[in-house]
Amino acid sequence: MELIPRLAPLGISDAFALGILIIAFFSIGWLVENPPKDRPSMSILLASYRRDWMREFVTRQQKIFDATVITSLRQATSFFISGTMLSIGGCIALVGNPDRLVLVAEDLTVSAQAVVVEVKVILVILFLANAFLKFIWSHRLFGYCAVLMGSVPNDDSPLAFHRASQAADVNVTAARSYNRGLRSIYFALASLGWLLGPWTLIIATIVTSITLLRREFMSHSRVAVLDREGV
């Protein structure tokens, strides 16, 4: 019960800013994965290309290219797994050092209470932890996909395209988890704005949301990917 009075500096504006952050995080995630039919997101467009990839994989004679691509995808997830793990460790070390937290608070905020800064840093840790778990699952799913790809028989087998379809489903699920991890990192960076106050958190959330929406729905790369027929 002693914690509640110590959190008194966190007022209504902080709760409002935190609510906007949480709503934006879940809303953008839902919109990216469930976009309007007439305006698919970049993630949905690439999911269709992943399925095309697995169908082409069946008839490709030299499959070393496909193995290389899967390896590169797993390496990307491994990089982010390591990065988020280090970031979580750094944040936990900061939370475990109240004296340093007080110094950070004095430099960045009006309040110098360590517990207030701890709460704000814990929010960052939660986003990073979510990203860490998503990347781990994505890495494992890409491994499953590699196994399924290895089990695809020759294209004259009736099982060939069925196995390729299974590999495509796992590949798409792995990519979805990977994208969720990336969004968590974006919002972890946005939540750092809370150290400067609630209004900075709101601004950081808006900027992050606009950035994510633009890259999913209005980027030049999306235009290139959308042109499937080369016209």
C-alpha atoms as a PDB file:
ATOM      1  CA  MET A   1       0.000   0.000   0.000  1.00  0.00           C
ATOM      2  CA  GLU A   2       2.961   2.313   0.474  1.00  0.00           C
ATOM      3  CA  LEU A   3       3.526   2.280  -3.288  1.00  0.00           C
ATOM      4  CA  ILE A   4       0.341   4.233  -4.100  1.00  0.00           C
ATOM      5  CA  PRO A   5       1.290   7.447  -2.241  1.00  0.00           C
ATOM      6  CA  ARG A   6       4.757   7.288  -3.808  1.00  0.00           C
ATOM      7  CA  LEU A   7       3.138   7.254  -7.251  1.00  0.00           C
ATOM      8  CA  ALA A   8       1.271  10.493  -6.514  1.00  0.00           C
ATOM      9  CA  PRO A   9       3.390  12.474  -9.044  1.00  0.00           C
ATOM     10  CA  LEU A  10       1.827  10.307 -11.779  1.00  0.00           C
ATOM     11  CA  GLY A  11      -1.378  12.219 -12.357  1.00  0.00           C
ATOM     12  CA  ILE A  12      -4.324  12.067 -14.733  1.00  0.00           C
ATOM     13  CA  SER A  13      -2.226  13.292 -17.633  1.00  0.00           C
ATOM     14  CA  ASP A  14       0.144  10.345 -17.182  1.00  0.00           C
ATOM     15  CA  ALA A  15      -2.760   7.888 -17.127  1.00  0.00           C
ATOM     16  CA  PHE A  16      -4.211   9.540 -20.237  1.00  0.00           C
ATOM     17  CA  ALA A  17      -0.882   9.336 -22.083  1.00  0.00           C
ATOM     18  CA  LEU A  18      -0.406   5.714 -21.046  1.00  0.00           C
ATOM     19  CA  GLY A  19      -3.913   4.875 -22.235  1.00  0.00           C
ATOM     20  CA  ILE A  20      -3.225   6.425 -25.638  1.00  0.00           C
ATOM     21  CA  LEU A  21      -0.014   4.416 -25.926  1.00  0.00           C
ATOM     22  CA  ILE A  22      -1.731   1.113 -25.131  1.00  0.00           C
ATOM     23  CA  ILE A  23      -4.681   1.805 -27.429  1.00  0.00           C
ATOM     24  CA  ALA A  24      -2.350   2.785 -30.271  1.00  0.00           C
ATOM     25  CA  PHE A  25      -0.235  -0.344 -29.796  1.00  0.00           C
ATOM     26  CA  PHE A  26      -3.150  -2.764 -30.007  1.00  0.00           C
ATOM     27  CA  SER A  27      -5.096  -0.795 -32.612  1.00  0.00           C
ATOM     28  CA  ILE A  28      -2.213  -0.565 -35.068  1.00  0.00           C
ATOM     29  CA  GLY A  29      -1.402  -4.229 -34.575  1.00  0.00           C
ATOM     30  CA  TRP A  30      -5.001  -5.175 -35.350  1.00  0.00           C
ATOM     31  CA  LEU A  31      -5.230  -2.832 -38.348  1.00  0.00           C
ATOM     32  CA  VAL A  32      -1.984  -4.110 -39.880  1.00  0.00           C
ATOM     33  CA  GLU A  33      -3.103  -7.728 -39.567  1.00  0.00           C
ATOM     34  CA  ASN A  34      -6.756  -7.051 -40.486  1.00  0.00           C
ATOM     35  CA  PRO A  35      -6.608  -4.239 -43.054  1.00  0.00           C
ATOM     36  CA  PRO A  36      -9.446  -3.178 -45.357  1.00  0.00           C
ATOM     37  CA  LYS A  37      -9.777  -5.524 -48.328  1.00  0.00           C
ATOM     38  CA  ASP A  38      -9.262  -2.691 -50.790  1.00  0.00           C
ATOM     39  CA  ARG A  39      -6.040  -1.519 -49.065  1.00  0.00           C
ATOM     40  CA  PRO A  40      -3.955  -4.435 -47.784  1.00  0.00           C
ATOM     41  CA  SER A  41      -1.011  -3.700 -45.533  1.00  0.00           C
ATOM     42  CA  MET A  42       2.581  -4.457 -46.438  1.00  0.00           C
ATOM     43  CA  SER A  43       2.496  -7.455 -44.104  1.00  0.00           C
ATOM     44  CA  ILE A  44      -0.541  -8.947 -45.870  1.00  0.00           C
ATOM     45  CA  LEU A  45       0.963  -8.334 -49.304  1.00  0.00           C
ATOM     46  CA  LEU A  46       4.198 -10.066 -48.352  1.00  0.00           C
ATOM     47  CA  ALA A  47       2.237 -13.001 -46.917  1.00  0.00           C
ATOM     48  CA  SER A  48       0.919 -13.703 -50.413  1.00  0.00           C
ATOM     49  CA  TYR A  49       4.466 -13.537 -51.781  1.00  0.00           C
ATOM     50  CA  ARG A  50       5.584 -16.019 -49.142  1.00  0.00           C
ATOM     51  CA  ARG A  51       2.946 -18.457 -50.368  1.00  0.00           C
ATOM     52  CA  ASP A  52       4.078 -17.874 -53.962  1.00  0.00           C
ATOM     53  CA  TRP A  53       7.627 -18.551 -52.822  1.00  0.00           C
ATOM     54  CA  MET A  54       6.724 -21.966 -51.429  1.00  0.00           C
ATOM     55  CA  ARG A  55       4.855 -22.908 -54.613  1.00  0.00           C
ATOM     56  CA  GLU A  56       7.866 -21.935 -56.710  1.00  0.00           C
ATOM     57  CA  PHE A  57      10.100 -23.848 -54.311  1.00  0.00           C
ATOM     58  CA  VAL A  58       8.459 -27.126 -55.363  1.00  0.00           C
ATOM     59  CA  THR A  59       9.501 -26.810 -58.999  1.00  0.00           C
ATOM     60  CA  ARG A  60      12.851 -25.076 -58.490  1.00  0.00           C
ATOM     61  CA  GLN A  61      15.715 -27.366 -59.391  1.00  0.00           C
ATOM     62  CA  GLN A  62      18.433 -25.627 -57.357  1.00  0.00           C
ATOM     63  CA  LYS A  63      17.051 -25.137 -53.857  1.00  0.00           C
ATOM     64  CA  ILE A  64      20.180 -23.636 -52.326  1.00  0.00           C
ATOM     65  CA  PHE A  65      18.666 -20.189 -52.890  1.00  0.00           C
ATOM     66  CA  ASP A  66      15.647 -21.037 -50.710  1.00  0.00           C
ATOM     67  CA  ALA A  67      17.858 -22.455 -47.973  1.00  0.00           C
ATOM     68  CA  THR A  68      19.903 -19.237 -48.017  1.00  0.00           C
ATOM     69  CA  VAL A  69      16.807 -17.061 -47.676  1.00  0.00           C
ATOM     70  CA  ILE A  70      15.486 -19.071 -44.719  1.00  0.00           C
ATOM     71  CA  THR A  71      18.906 -18.857 -43.068  1.00  0.00           C
ATOM     72  CA  SER A  72      18.985 -15.077 -43.503  1.00  0.00           C
ATOM     73  CA  LEU A  73      15.509 -14.774 -41.965  1.00  0.00           C
ATOM     74  CA  ARG A  74      16.605 -16.788 -38.937  1.00  0.00           C
ATOM     75  CA  GLN A  75      19.748 -14.674 -38.606  1.00  0.00           C
ATOM     76  CA  ALA A  76      17.631 -11.508 -38.581  1.00  0.00           C
ATOM     77  CA  THR A  77      15.493 -12.842 -35.747  1.00  0.00           C
ATOM     78  CA  SER A  78      18.631 -13.939 -33.881  1.00  0.00           C
ATOM     79  CA  PHE A  79      19.996 -10.405 -34.125  1.00  0.00           C
ATOM     80  CA  PHE A  80      16.868  -8.914 -32.583  1.00  0.00           C
ATOM     81  CA  ILE A  81      16.737 -11.616 -29.916  1.00  0.00           C
ATOM     82  CA  SER A  82      20.245 -10.640 -28.814  1.00  0.00           C
ATOM     83  CA  GLY A  83      19.483  -6.925 -29.040  1.00  0.00           C
ATOM     84  CA  THR A  84      16.295  -7.076 -26.989  1.00  0.00           C
ATOM     85  CA  MET A  85      17.951  -9.321 -24.406  1.00  0.00           C
ATOM     86  CA  LEU A  86      20.739  -6.789 -23.903  1.00  0.00           C
ATOM     87  CA  SER A  87      18.242  -3.936 -23.731  1.00  0.00           C
ATOM     88  CA  ILE A  88      16.139  -5.734 -21.132  1.00  0.00           C
ATOM     89  CA  GLY A  89      19.253  -6.418 -19.074  1.00  0.00           C
ATOM     90  CA  GLY A  90      20.240  -2.755 -19.225  1.00  0.00           C
ATOM     91  CA  CYS A  91      16.781  -1.599 -18.148  1.00  0.00           C
ATOM     92  CA  ILE A  92      16.663  -4.097 -15.279  1.00  0.00           C
ATOM     93  CA  ALA A  93      20.068  -2.907 -14.114  1.00  0.00           C
ATOM     94  CA  LEU A  94      18.764   0.655 -14.169  1.00  0.00           C
ATOM     95  CA  VAL A  95      15.676  -0.274 -12.156  1.00  0.00           C
ATOM     96  CA  GLY A  96      17.912  -2.086  -9.652  1.00  0.00           C
ATOM     97  CA  ASN A  97      19.975   1.057  -9.064  1.00  0.00           C
ATOM     98  CA  PRO A  98      17.709   3.602  -7.311  1.00  0.00           C
ATOM     99  CA  ASP A  99      20.494   6.163  -6.881  1.00  0.00           C
ATOM    100  CA  ARG A 100      21.132   6.307 -10.612  1.00  0.00           C
ATOM    101  CA  LEU A 101      17.390   6.485 -11.242  1.00  0.00           C
ATOM    102  CA  VAL A 102      17.204   9.550  -9.025  1.00  0.00           C
ATOM    103  CA  LEU A 103      19.945  11.193 -11.078  1.00  0.00           C
ATOM    104  CA  VAL A 104      18.089  10.367 -14.284  1.00  0.00           C
ATOM    105  CA  ALA A 105      14.894  11.780 -12.816  1.00  0.00           C
ATOM    106  CA  GLU A 106      16.603  14.995 -11.771  1.00  0.00           C
ATOM    107  CA  ASP A 107      18.052  15.414 -15.261  1.00  0.00           C
ATOM    108  CA  LEU A 108      14.907  14.587 -17.232  1.00  0.00           C
ATOM    109  CA  THR A 109      11.817  15.246 -15.138  1.00  0.00           C
ATOM    110  CA  VAL A 110      10.384  17.517 -12.518  1.00  0.00           C
ATOM    111  CA  SER A 111       9.994  14.695 -10.014  1.00  0.00           C
ATOM    112  CA  ALA A 112      13.125  13.067  -8.655  1.00  0.00           C
ATOM    113  CA  GLN A 113      11.405  10.091  -7.037  1.00  0.00           C
ATOM    114  CA  ALA A 114      13.075   6.882  -8.101  1.00  0.00           C
ATOM    115  CA  VAL A 115       9.873   4.838  -7.941  1.00  0.00           C
ATOM    116  CA  VAL A 116       8.234   7.050 -10.588  1.00  0.00           C
ATOM    117  CA  VAL A 117      11.105   6.556 -12.987  1.00  0.00           C
ATOM    118  CA  GLU A 118      11.113   2.844 -12.173  1.00  0.00           C
ATOM    119  CA  VAL A 119       7.500   2.570 -13.327  1.00  0.00           C
ATOM    120  CA  LYS A 120       8.344   4.349 -16.556  1.00  0.00           C
ATOM    121  CA  VAL A 121      11.341   2.123 -17.213  1.00  0.00           C
ATOM    122  CA  ILE A 122       9.288  -0.979 -16.419  1.00  0.00           C
ATOM    123  CA  LEU A 123       6.915   0.023 -19.222  1.00  0.00           C
ATOM    124  CA  VAL A 124       9.877  -0.069 -21.607  1.00  0.00           C
ATOM    125  CA  ILE A 125      10.878  -3.467 -20.211  1.00  0.00           C
ATOM    126  CA  LEU A 126       7.378  -4.837 -20.851  1.00  0.00           C
ATOM    127  CA  PHE A 127       7.488  -3.826 -24.507  1.00  0.00           C
ATOM    128  CA  LEU A 128      11.001  -5.223 -24.880  1.00  0.00           C
ATOM    129  CA  ALA A 129      10.004  -8.470 -23.176  1.00  0.00           C
ATOM    130  CA  ASN A 130       7.072  -8.842 -25.550  1.00  0.00           C
ATOM    131  CA  ALA A 131       9.397  -8.230 -28.504  1.00  0.00           C
ATOM    132  CA  PHE A 132      11.883 -10.764 -27.122  1.00  0.00           C
ATOM    133  CA  LEU A 133       9.236 -13.471 -26.855  1.00  0.00           C
ATOM    134  CA  LYS A 134       7.876 -12.723 -30.339  1.00  0.00           C
ATOM    135  CA  PHE A 135      11.344 -12.917 -31.888  1.00  0.00           C
ATOM    136  CA  ILE A 136      12.112 -16.205 -30.138  1.00  0.00           C
ATOM    137  CA  TRP A 137       8.884 -17.724 -31.440  1.00  0.00           C
ATOM    138  CA  SER A 138       9.529 -16.336 -34.914  1.00  0.00           C
ATOM    139  CA  HIS A 139      13.023 -17.826 -34.921  1.00  0.00           C
ATOM    140  CA  ARG A 140      11.640 -21.214 -33.953  1.00  0.00           C
ATOM    141  CA  LEU A 141       8.884 -21.050 -36.574  1.00  0.00           C
ATOM    142  CA  PHE A 142      11.376 -20.246 -39.313  1.00  0.00           C
ATOM    143  CA  GLY A 143      13.228 -23.364 -38.152  1.00  0.00           C
ATOM    144  CA  TYR A 144       9.994 -25.363 -38.457  1.00  0.00           C
ATOM    145  CA  CYS A 145       9.529 -23.922 -41.931  1.00  0.00           C
ATOM    146  CA  ALA A 146      13.022 -25.064 -42.914  1.00  0.00           C
ATOM    147  CA  VAL A 147      12.210 -28.598 -41.748  1.00  0.00           C
ATOM    148  CA  LEU A 148       8.964 -28.611 -43.719  1.00  0.00           C
ATOM    149  CA  MET A 149      10.769 -27.326 -46.789  1.00  0.00           C
ATOM    150  CA  GLY A 150      13.270 -30.129 -46.418  1.00  0.00           C
ATOM    151  CA  SER A 151      10.411 -32.631 -46.344  1.00  0.00           C
ATOM    152  CA  VAL A 152       8.876 -31.413 -49.614  1.00  0.00           C
ATOM    153  CA  PRO A 153       9.200 -34.275 -52.138  1.00  0.00           C
ATOM    154  CA  ASN A 154       9.791 -33.906 -55.861  1.00  0.00           C
ATOM    155  CA  ASP A 155       7.153 -32.026 -57.819  1.00  0.00           C
ATOM    156  CA  ASP A 156       5.806 -35.250 -59.318  1.00  0.00           C
ATOM    157  CA  SER A 157       4.664 -36.403 -55.881  1.00  0.00           C
ATOM    158  CA  PRO A 158       1.038 -35.713 -54.856  1.00  0.00           C
ATOM    159  CA  LEU A 159       2.362 -34.557 -51.472  1.00  0.00           C
ATOM    160  CA  ALA A 160       4.647 -31.874 -52.901  1.00  0.00           C
ATOM    161  CA  PHE A 161       2.293 -28.894 -53.027  1.00  0.00           C
ATOM    162  CA  HIS A 162       0.529 -29.912 -49.821  1.00  0.00           C
ATOM    163  CA  ARG A 163       3.832 -29.889 -47.921  1.00  0.00           C
ATOM    164  CA  ALA A 164       4.755 -26.605 -49.592  1.00  0.00           C
ATOM    165  CA  SER A 165       1.443 -25.129 -48.440  1.00  0.00           C
ATOM    166  CA  GLN A 166       2.185 -26.247 -44.876  1.00  0.00           C
ATOM    167  CA  ALA A 167       5.602 -24.619 -45.063  1.00  0.00           C
ATOM    168  CA  ALA A 168       3.995 -21.423 -46.386  1.00  0.00           C
ATOM    169  CA  ASP A 169       1.526 -21.309 -43.479  1.00  0.00           C
ATOM    170  CA  VAL A 170       4.339 -21.660 -40.948  1.00  0.00           C
ATOM    171  CA  ASN A 171       6.421 -19.075 -42.823  1.00  0.00           C
ATOM    172  CA  VAL A 172       3.580 -16.558 -42.754  1.00  0.00           C
ATOM    173  CA  THR A 173       3.006 -17.177 -39.030  1.00  0.00           C
ATOM    174  CA  ALA A 174       6.721 -16.698 -38.340  1.00  0.00           C
ATOM    175  CA  ALA A 175       6.700 -13.408 -40.240  1.00  0.00           C
ATOM    176  CA  ARG A 176       3.638 -12.250 -38.311  1.00  0.00           C
ATOM    177  CA  SER A 177       5.386 -12.896 -35.004  1.00  0.00           C
ATOM    178  CA  TYR A 178       8.501 -11.139 -36.300  1.00  0.00           C
ATOM    179  CA  ASN A 179       6.464  -8.066 -37.265  1.00  0.00           C
ATOM    180  CA  ARG A 180       4.800  -8.020 -33.865  1.00  0.00           C
ATOM    181  CA  GLY A 181       8.221  -8.013 -32.258  1.00  0.00           C
ATOM    182  CA  LEU A 182       9.300  -5.068 -34.401  1.00  0.00           C
ATOM    183  CA  ARG A 183       6.177  -3.110 -33.444  1.00  0.00           C
ATOM    184  CA  SER A 184       6.944  -3.738 -29.781  1.00  0.00           C
ATOM    185  CA  ILE A 185      10.403  -2.262 -30.268  1.00  0.00           C
ATOM    186  CA  TYR A 186       8.891   0.809 -31.930  1.00  0.00           C
ATOM    187  CA  PHE A 187       6.581   1.345 -28.972  1.00  0.00           C
ATOM    188  CA  ALA A 188       9.366   0.636 -26.484  1.00  0.00           C
ATOM    189  CA  LEU A 189      11.203   3.571 -28.037  1.00  0.00           C
ATOM    190  CA  ALA A 190       8.036   5.661 -27.886  1.00  0.00           C
ATOM    191  CA  SER A 191       7.538   4.813 -24.206  1.00  0.00           C
ATOM    192  CA  LEU A 192      10.952   6.326 -23.455  1.00  0.00           C
ATOM    193  CA  GLY A 193       9.284   9.667 -24.069  1.00  0.00           C
ATOM    194  CA  TRP A 194       7.453   9.197 -20.762  1.00  0.00           C
ATOM    195  CA  LEU A 195      10.713   9.994 -18.987  1.00  0.00           C
ATOM    196  CA  LEU A 196      10.263  13.545 -20.239  1.00  0.00           C
ATOM    197  CA  GLY A 197       6.624  13.730 -19.204  1.00  0.00           C
ATOM    198  CA  PRO A 198       3.159  12.632 -20.346  1.00  0.00           C
ATOM    199  CA  TRP A 199       2.879  15.076 -23.224  1.00  0.00           C
ATOM    200  CA  THR A 200       6.167  13.884 -24.642  1.00  0.00           C
ATOM    201  CA  LEU A 201       4.825  10.338 -24.408  1.00  0.00           C
ATOM    202  CA  ILE A 202       1.726  11.360 -26.363  1.00  0.00           C
ATOM    203  CA  ILE A 203       3.820  13.039 -29.050  1.00  0.00           C
ATOM    204  CA  ALA A 204       6.145  10.025 -29.267  1.00  0.00           C
ATOM    205  CA  THR A 205       3.127   7.707 -29.553  1.00  0.00           C
ATOM    206  CA  ILE A 206       1.624   9.780 -32.368  1.00  0.00           C
ATOM    207  CA  VAL A 207       4.922   9.936 -34.266  1.00  0.00           C
ATOM    208  CA  THR A 208       5.445   6.191 -33.845  1.00  0.00           C
ATOM    209  CA  SER A 209       1.898   5.418 -34.965  1.00  0.00           C
ATOM    210  CA  ILE A 210       2.200   7.602 -38.060  1.00  0.00           C
ATOM    211  CA  THR A 211       5.533   6.012 -38.921  1.00  0.00           C
ATOM    212  CA  LEU A 212       4.157   2.483 -38.651  1.00  0.00           C
ATOM    213  CA  LEU A 213       1.000   3.283 -40.604  1.00  0.00           C
ATOM    214  CA  ARG A 214       2.943   5.020 -43.358  1.00  0.00           C
ATOM    215  CA  ARG A 215       5.327   2.100 -43.751  1.00  0.00           C
ATOM    216  CA  GLU A 216       2.488  -0.407 -43.857  1.00  0.00           C
ATOM    217  CA  PHE A 217       0.029   1.495 -46.047  1.00  0.00           C
ATOM    218  CA  MET A 218       1.715   4.416 -47.840  1.00  0.00           C
ATOM    219  CA  SER A 219       5.382   3.554 -48.416  1.00  0.00           C
ATOM    220  CA  HIS A 220       7.137   3.418 -51.781  1.00  0.00           C
ATOM    221  CA  SER A 221       8.103  -0.185 -51.091  1.00  0.00           C
ATOM    222  CA  ARG A 222       4.421  -1.066 -50.721  1.00  0.00           C
ATOM    223  CA  VAL A 223       3.707   0.421 -54.151  1.00  0.00           C
ATOM    224  CA  ALA A 224       6.464  -1.732 -55.627  1.00  0.00           C
ATOM    225  CA  VAL A 225       5.193  -4.876 -53.910  1.00  0.00           C
ATOM    226  CA  LEU A 226       1.598  -4.138 -54.908  1.00  0.00           C
ATOM    227  CA  ASP A 227       2.505  -4.201 -58.613  1.00  0.00           C
ATOM    228  CA  ARG A 228       2.270  -7.971 -59.031  1.00  0.00           C
ATOM    229  CA  GLU A 229       1.566  -7.873 -62.761  1.00  0.00           C
ATOM    230  CA  GLY A 230       4.410  -5.516 -63.691  1.00  0.00           C
ATOM    231  CA  VAL A 231       2.134  -2.764 -64.977  1.00  0.00           C
END
